[in-house]
């Protein structure tokens, strides 16, 4: 008897640009290219694809759920 097949669970991670478009009331490119105090003065775009991208995603999640301070 063979083992049952398991379905792999894929998690869909939204693109940063899509999150910005959904959450920020300005063109995504403008927000992504503007230094942000919450990111230590770095431009959000500069964090994309780096080890600091989770910091950017956390900021966007905070904005989404109203826990931004």
PDB file of N, CA and C in Angstrom:
ATOM      1  N   UNK A   1       0.848  -1.174   0.000  1.00  0.00           N
ATOM      2  CA  UNK A   1       0.000   0.000   0.000  1.00  0.00           C
ATOM      3  C   UNK A   1       0.899   1.245   0.000  1.00  0.00           C
ATOM      4  N   UNK A   2       0.615   2.166  -0.862  1.00  0.00           N
ATOM      5  CA  UNK A   2       1.435   3.371  -0.951  1.00  0.00           C
ATOM      6  C   UNK A   2       0.917   4.444   0.006  1.00  0.00           C
ATOM      7  N   UNK A   3       1.800   5.354   0.371  1.00  0.00           N
ATOM      8  CA  UNK A   3       1.438   6.450   1.270  1.00  0.00           C
ATOM      9  C   UNK A   3       0.520   7.415   0.532  1.00  0.00           C
ATOM     10  N   UNK A   4      -0.417   8.042   1.258  1.00  0.00           N
ATOM     11  CA  UNK A   4      -1.308   9.011   0.608  1.00  0.00           C
ATOM     12  C   UNK A   4      -0.522  10.209   0.096  1.00  0.00           C
ATOM     13  N   UNK A   5      -0.957  10.729  -1.027  1.00  0.00           N
ATOM     14  CA  UNK A   5      -0.306  11.913  -1.595  1.00  0.00           C
ATOM     15  C   UNK A   5      -0.733  13.140  -0.804  1.00  0.00           C
ATOM     16  N   UNK A   6       0.225  13.981  -0.534  1.00  0.00           N
ATOM     17  CA  UNK A   6      -0.062  15.228   0.183  1.00  0.00           C
ATOM     18  C   UNK A   6       0.009  16.388  -0.791  1.00  0.00           C
ATOM     19  N   UNK A   7      -0.909  17.279  -0.622  1.00  0.00           N
ATOM     20  CA  UNK A   7      -0.891  18.493  -1.433  1.00  0.00           C
ATOM     21  C   UNK A   7       0.077  19.473  -0.776  1.00  0.00           C
ATOM     22  N   UNK A   8       0.882  20.111  -1.577  1.00  0.00           N
ATOM     23  CA  UNK A   8       1.772  21.120  -1.018  1.00  0.00           C
ATOM     24  C   UNK A   8       0.984  22.411  -0.837  1.00  0.00           C
ATOM     25  N   UNK A   9       1.220  23.042   0.272  1.00  0.00           N
ATOM     26  CA  UNK A   9       0.526  24.292   0.577  1.00  0.00           C
ATOM     27  C   UNK A   9       1.405  25.457   0.117  1.00  0.00           C
ATOM     28  N   UNK A  10       0.946  26.172  -0.866  1.00  0.00           N
ATOM     29  CA  UNK A  10       1.666  27.344  -1.339  1.00  0.00           C
ATOM     30  C   UNK A  10       1.044  28.586  -0.737  1.00  0.00           C
ATOM     31  N   UNK A  11       1.880  29.426  -0.209  1.00  0.00           N
ATOM     32  CA  UNK A  11       1.398  30.671   0.379  1.00  0.00           C
ATOM     33  C   UNK A  11       1.583  31.773  -0.653  1.00  0.00           C
ATOM     34  N   UNK A  12       0.520  32.501  -0.899  1.00  0.00           N
ATOM     35  CA  UNK A  12       0.575  33.607  -1.840  1.00  0.00           C
ATOM     36  C   UNK A  12       1.044  34.859  -1.109  1.00  0.00           C
ATOM     37  N   UNK A  13       2.176  35.383  -1.525  1.00  0.00           N
ATOM     38  CA  UNK A  13       2.722  36.594  -0.922  1.00  0.00           C
ATOM     39  C   UNK A  13       2.461  37.746  -1.877  1.00  0.00           C
ATOM     40  N   UNK A  14       1.699  38.745  -1.417  1.00  0.00           N
ATOM     41  CA  UNK A  14       1.402  39.866  -2.320  1.00  0.00           C
ATOM     42  C   UNK A  14       2.665  40.635  -2.705  1.00  0.00           C
ATOM     43  N   UNK A  15       2.663  41.118  -3.908  1.00  0.00           N
ATOM     44  CA  UNK A  15       3.775  41.963  -4.353  1.00  0.00           C
ATOM     45  C   UNK A  15       3.736  43.280  -3.580  1.00  0.00           C
ATOM     46  N   UNK A  16       4.908  43.828  -3.311  1.00  0.00           N
ATOM     47  CA  UNK A  16       5.015  45.105  -2.593  1.00  0.00           C
ATOM     48  C   UNK A  16       4.227  46.179  -3.331  1.00  0.00           C
ATOM     49  N   UNK A  17       4.388  46.247  -4.650  1.00  0.00           N
ATOM     50  CA  UNK A  17       3.698  47.282  -5.425  1.00  0.00           C
ATOM     51  C   UNK A  17       2.182  47.175  -5.264  1.00  0.00           C
ATOM     52  N   UNK A  18       1.666  45.955  -5.213  1.00  0.00           N
ATOM     53  CA  UNK A  18       0.228  45.765  -5.049  1.00  0.00           C
ATOM     54  C   UNK A  18      -0.234  46.216  -3.669  1.00  0.00           C
ATOM     55  N   UNK A  19       0.557  45.928  -2.653  1.00  0.00           N
ATOM     56  CA  UNK A  19       0.211  46.382  -1.298  1.00  0.00           C
ATOM     57  C   UNK A  19       0.194  47.906  -1.228  1.00  0.00           C
ATOM     58  N   UNK A  20       1.208  48.531  -1.811  1.00  0.00           N
ATOM     59  CA  UNK A  20       1.281  49.999  -1.797  1.00  0.00           C
ATOM     60  C   UNK A  20       0.075  50.585  -2.524  1.00  0.00           C
ATOM     61  N   UNK A  21      -0.254  50.029  -3.674  1.00  0.00           N
ATOM     62  CA  UNK A  21      -1.405  50.512  -4.455  1.00  0.00           C
ATOM     63  C   UNK A  21      -2.687  50.413  -3.635  1.00  0.00           C
ATOM     64  N   UNK A  22      -2.828  49.346  -2.866  1.00  0.00           N
ATOM     65  CA  UNK A  22      -4.023  49.114  -2.059  1.00  0.00           C
ATOM     66  C   UNK A  22      -4.088  50.025  -0.832  1.00  0.00           C
ATOM     67  N   UNK A  23      -2.941  50.339  -0.244  1.00  0.00           N
ATOM     68  CA  UNK A  23      -2.929  50.971   1.076  1.00  0.00           C
ATOM     69  C   UNK A  23      -2.568  52.446   1.102  1.00  0.00           C
ATOM     70  N   UNK A  24      -1.818  52.909   0.135  1.00  0.00           N
ATOM     71  CA  UNK A  24      -1.270  54.268   0.176  1.00  0.00           C
ATOM     72  C   UNK A  24      -2.005  55.151  -0.822  1.00  0.00           C
ATOM     73  N   UNK A  25      -2.340  56.351  -0.378  1.00  0.00           N
ATOM     74  CA  UNK A  25      -3.106  57.284  -1.207  1.00  0.00           C
ATOM     75  C   UNK A  25      -2.176  58.184  -2.028  1.00  0.00           C
ATOM     76  N   UNK A  26      -1.318  57.555  -2.802  1.00  0.00           N
ATOM     77  CA  UNK A  26      -0.452  58.266  -3.746  1.00  0.00           C
ATOM     78  C   UNK A  26       0.053  57.238  -4.744  1.00  0.00           C
ATOM     79  N   UNK A  27       0.585  57.687  -5.863  1.00  0.00           N
ATOM     80  CA  UNK A  27       1.108  56.724  -6.831  1.00  0.00           C
ATOM     81  C   UNK A  27       2.175  55.829  -6.186  1.00  0.00           C
ATOM     82  N   UNK A  28       2.112  54.524  -6.424  1.00  0.00           N
ATOM     83  CA  UNK A  28       3.066  53.605  -5.799  1.00  0.00           C
ATOM     84  C   UNK A  28       4.531  53.987  -6.023  1.00  0.00           C
ATOM     85  N   UNK A  29       4.883  54.401  -7.249  1.00  0.00           N
ATOM     86  CA  UNK A  29       6.278  54.758  -7.520  1.00  0.00           C
ATOM     87  C   UNK A  29       6.745  55.917  -6.658  1.00  0.00           C
ATOM     88  N   UNK A  30       5.859  56.890  -6.435  1.00  0.00           N
ATOM     89  CA  UNK A  30       6.239  58.035  -5.613  1.00  0.00           C
ATOM     90  C   UNK A  30       6.514  57.583  -4.184  1.00  0.00           C
ATOM     91  N   UNK A  31       5.631  56.766  -3.611  1.00  0.00           N
ATOM     92  CA  UNK A  31       5.814  56.294  -2.240  1.00  0.00           C
ATOM     93  C   UNK A  31       7.074  55.433  -2.132  1.00  0.00           C
ATOM     94  N   UNK A  32       7.271  54.555  -3.100  1.00  0.00           N
ATOM     95  CA  UNK A  32       8.426  53.654  -3.061  1.00  0.00           C
ATOM     96  C   UNK A  32       9.756  54.383  -3.207  1.00  0.00           C
ATOM     97  N   UNK A  33       9.756  55.546  -3.840  1.00  0.00           N
ATOM     98  CA  UNK A  33      10.994  56.289  -4.081  1.00  0.00           C
ATOM     99  C   UNK A  33      11.207  57.459  -3.124  1.00  0.00           C
ATOM    100  N   UNK A  34      10.353  57.568  -2.094  1.00  0.00           N
ATOM    101  CA  UNK A  34      10.462  58.646  -1.107  1.00  0.00           C
ATOM    102  C   UNK A  34      11.056  58.098   0.182  1.00  0.00           C
ATOM    103  N   UNK A  35      12.141  58.722   0.702  1.00  0.00           N
ATOM    104  CA  UNK A  35      12.695  58.263   1.976  1.00  0.00           C
ATOM    105  C   UNK A  35      11.602  58.240   3.054  1.00  0.00           C
ATOM    106  N   UNK A  36      11.624  57.213   3.893  1.00  0.00           N
ATOM    107  CA  UNK A  36      10.577  57.014   4.892  1.00  0.00           C
ATOM    108  C   UNK A  36      11.201  56.952   6.281  1.00  0.00           C
ATOM    109  N   UNK A  37      10.741  57.831   7.178  1.00  0.00           N
ATOM    110  CA  UNK A  37      11.266  57.864   8.543  1.00  0.00           C
ATOM    111  C   UNK A  37      11.083  56.535   9.261  1.00  0.00           C
ATOM    112  N   UNK A  38       9.981  55.840   8.994  1.00  0.00           N
ATOM    113  CA  UNK A  38       9.720  54.557   9.643  1.00  0.00           C
ATOM    114  C   UNK A  38      10.689  53.466   9.181  1.00  0.00           C
ATOM    115  N   UNK A  39      11.399  53.740   8.112  1.00  0.00           N
ATOM    116  CA  UNK A  39      12.377  52.787   7.575  1.00  0.00           C
ATOM    117  C   UNK A  39      13.796  53.323   7.742  1.00  0.00           C
ATOM    118  N   UNK A  40      13.987  54.174   8.741  1.00  0.00           N
ATOM    119  CA  UNK A  40      15.311  54.731   9.010  1.00  0.00           C
ATOM    120  C   UNK A  40      15.788  55.687   7.939  1.00  0.00           C
ATOM    121  N   UNK A  41      14.836  56.326   7.246  1.00  0.00           N
ATOM    122  CA  UNK A  41      15.186  57.277   6.201  1.00  0.00           C
ATOM    123  C   UNK A  41      15.484  56.636   4.854  1.00  0.00           C
ATOM    124  N   UNK A  42      15.353  55.326   4.784  1.00  0.00           N
ATOM    125  CA  UNK A  42      15.607  54.642   3.511  1.00  0.00           C
ATOM    126  C   UNK A  42      14.381  54.695   2.610  1.00  0.00           C
ATOM    127  N   UNK A  43      14.623  54.598   1.324  1.00  0.00           N
ATOM    128  CA  UNK A  43      13.528  54.520   0.360  1.00  0.00           C
ATOM    129  C   UNK A  43      12.979  53.089   0.385  1.00  0.00           C
ATOM    130  N   UNK A  44      11.660  52.938   0.432  1.00  0.00           N
ATOM    131  CA  UNK A  44      11.091  51.589   0.427  1.00  0.00           C
ATOM    132  C   UNK A  44      11.600  50.718  -0.717  1.00  0.00           C
ATOM    133  N   UNK A  45      11.747  51.300  -1.896  1.00  0.00           N
ATOM    134  CA  UNK A  45      12.203  50.524  -3.054  1.00  0.00           C
ATOM    135  C   UNK A  45      13.592  49.920  -2.810  1.00  0.00           C
ATOM    136  N   UNK A  46      14.431  50.635  -2.052  1.00  0.00           N
ATOM    137  CA  UNK A  46      15.783  50.145  -1.793  1.00  0.00           C
ATOM    138  C   UNK A  46      15.788  48.901  -0.903  1.00  0.00           C
ATOM    139  N   UNK A  47      14.692  48.642  -0.197  1.00  0.00           N
ATOM    140  CA  UNK A  47      14.610  47.472   0.675  1.00  0.00           C
ATOM    141  C   UNK A  47      14.061  46.244  -0.050  1.00  0.00           C
ATOM    142  N   UNK A  48      13.412  46.474  -1.162  1.00  0.00           N
ATOM    143  CA  UNK A  48      12.800  45.364  -1.911  1.00  0.00           C
ATOM    144  C   UNK A  48      13.874  44.405  -2.409  1.00  0.00           C
ATOM    145  N   UNK A  49      13.642  43.109  -2.183  1.00  0.00           N
ATOM    146  CA  UNK A  49      14.575  42.096  -2.653  1.00  0.00           C
ATOM    147  C   UNK A  49      15.825  41.962  -1.802  1.00  0.00           C
ATOM    148  N   UNK A  50      15.831  42.594  -0.626  1.00  0.00           N
ATOM    149  CA  UNK A  50      16.985  42.504   0.270  1.00  0.00           C
ATOM    150  C   UNK A  50      16.566  41.807   1.555  1.00  0.00           C
ATOM    151  N   UNK A  51      17.510  41.626   2.437  1.00  0.00           N
ATOM    152  CA  UNK A  51      17.198  41.020   3.732  1.00  0.00           C
ATOM    153  C   UNK A  51      16.321  41.937   4.585  1.00  0.00           C
ATOM    154  N   UNK A  52      16.187  43.204   4.187  1.00  0.00           N
ATOM    155  CA  UNK A  52      15.347  44.158   4.924  1.00  0.00           C
ATOM    156  C   UNK A  52      13.910  44.231   4.389  1.00  0.00           C
ATOM    157  N   UNK A  53      13.598  43.462   3.353  1.00  0.00           N
ATOM    158  CA  UNK A  53      12.239  43.496   2.809  1.00  0.00           C
ATOM    159  C   UNK A  53      11.180  43.157   3.866  1.00  0.00           C
ATOM    160  N   UNK A  54      11.430  42.232   4.796  1.00  0.00           N
ATOM    161  CA  UNK A  54      10.421  41.967   5.832  1.00  0.00           C
ATOM    162  C   UNK A  54      10.076  43.203   6.668  1.00  0.00           C
ATOM    163  N   UNK A  55      11.033  44.099   6.855  1.00  0.00           N
ATOM    164  CA  UNK A  55      10.764  45.344   7.587  1.00  0.00           C
ATOM    165  C   UNK A  55       9.759  46.182   6.804  1.00  0.00           C
ATOM    166  N   UNK A  56       9.944  46.258   5.508  1.00  0.00           N
ATOM    167  CA  UNK A  56       9.025  46.988   4.630  1.00  0.00           C
ATOM    168  C   UNK A  56       7.642  46.342   4.654  1.00  0.00           C
ATOM    169  N   UNK A  57       7.591  45.025   4.554  1.00  0.00           N
ATOM    170  CA  UNK A  57       6.301  44.326   4.598  1.00  0.00           C
ATOM    171  C   UNK A  57       5.610  44.534   5.949  1.00  0.00           C
ATOM    172  N   UNK A  58       6.381  44.530   7.030  1.00  0.00           N
ATOM    173  CA  UNK A  58       5.797  44.778   8.353  1.00  0.00           C
ATOM    174  C   UNK A  58       5.200  46.176   8.445  1.00  0.00           C
ATOM    175  N   UNK A  59       5.878  47.165   7.868  1.00  0.00           N
ATOM    176  CA  UNK A  59       5.342  48.520   7.852  1.00  0.00           C
ATOM    177  C   UNK A  59       4.020  48.560   7.095  1.00  0.00           C
ATOM    178  N   UNK A  60       3.971  47.932   5.933  1.00  0.00           N
ATOM    179  CA  UNK A  60       2.738  47.921   5.142  1.00  0.00           C
ATOM    180  C   UNK A  60       1.623  47.171   5.865  1.00  0.00           C
ATOM    181  N   UNK A  61       1.939  46.080   6.540  1.00  0.00           N
ATOM    182  CA  UNK A  61       0.927  45.355   7.317  1.00  0.00           C
ATOM    183  C   UNK A  61       0.424  46.215   8.474  1.00  0.00           C
ATOM    184  N   UNK A  62       1.319  46.968   9.101  1.00  0.00           N
ATOM    185  CA  UNK A  62       0.909  47.866  10.183  1.00  0.00           C
ATOM    186  C   UNK A  62      -0.053  48.925   9.673  1.00  0.00           C
ATOM    187  N   UNK A  63       0.224  49.457   8.500  1.00  0.00           N
ATOM    188  CA  UNK A  63      -0.662  50.446   7.886  1.00  0.00           C
ATOM    189  C   UNK A  63      -2.014  49.795   7.572  1.00  0.00           C
ATOM    190  N   UNK A  64      -1.958  48.596   7.029  1.00  0.00           N
ATOM    191  CA  UNK A  64      -3.181  47.894   6.646  1.00  0.00           C
ATOM    192  C   UNK A  64      -4.105  47.642   7.837  1.00  0.00           C
ATOM    193  N   UNK A  65      -3.504  47.255   8.959  1.00  0.00           N
ATOM    194  CA  UNK A  65      -4.329  46.886  10.118  1.00  0.00           C
ATOM    195  C   UNK A  65      -4.437  47.995  11.161  1.00  0.00           C
ATOM    196  N   UNK A  66      -3.964  49.188  10.811  1.00  0.00           N
ATOM    197  CA  UNK A  66      -4.166  50.340  11.681  1.00  0.00           C
ATOM    198  C   UNK A  66      -3.281  50.380  12.920  1.00  0.00           C
ATOM    199  N   UNK A  67      -2.192  49.631  12.924  1.00  0.00           N
ATOM    200  CA  UNK A  67      -1.318  49.651  14.084  1.00  0.00           C
ATOM    201  C   UNK A  67      -0.057  50.454  13.813  1.00  0.00           C
ATOM    202  N   UNK A  68      -0.145  51.349  12.841  1.00  0.00           N
ATOM    203  CA  UNK A  68       0.978  52.205  12.486  1.00  0.00           C
ATOM    204  C   UNK A  68       1.128  53.284  13.526  1.00  0.00           C
ATOM    205  N   UNK A  69       2.363  53.476  13.997  1.00  0.00           N
ATOM    206  CA  UNK A  69       2.588  54.558  14.976  1.00  0.00           C
ATOM    207  C   UNK A  69       3.749  55.410  14.553  1.00  0.00           C
TER     208      UNK A  69
END
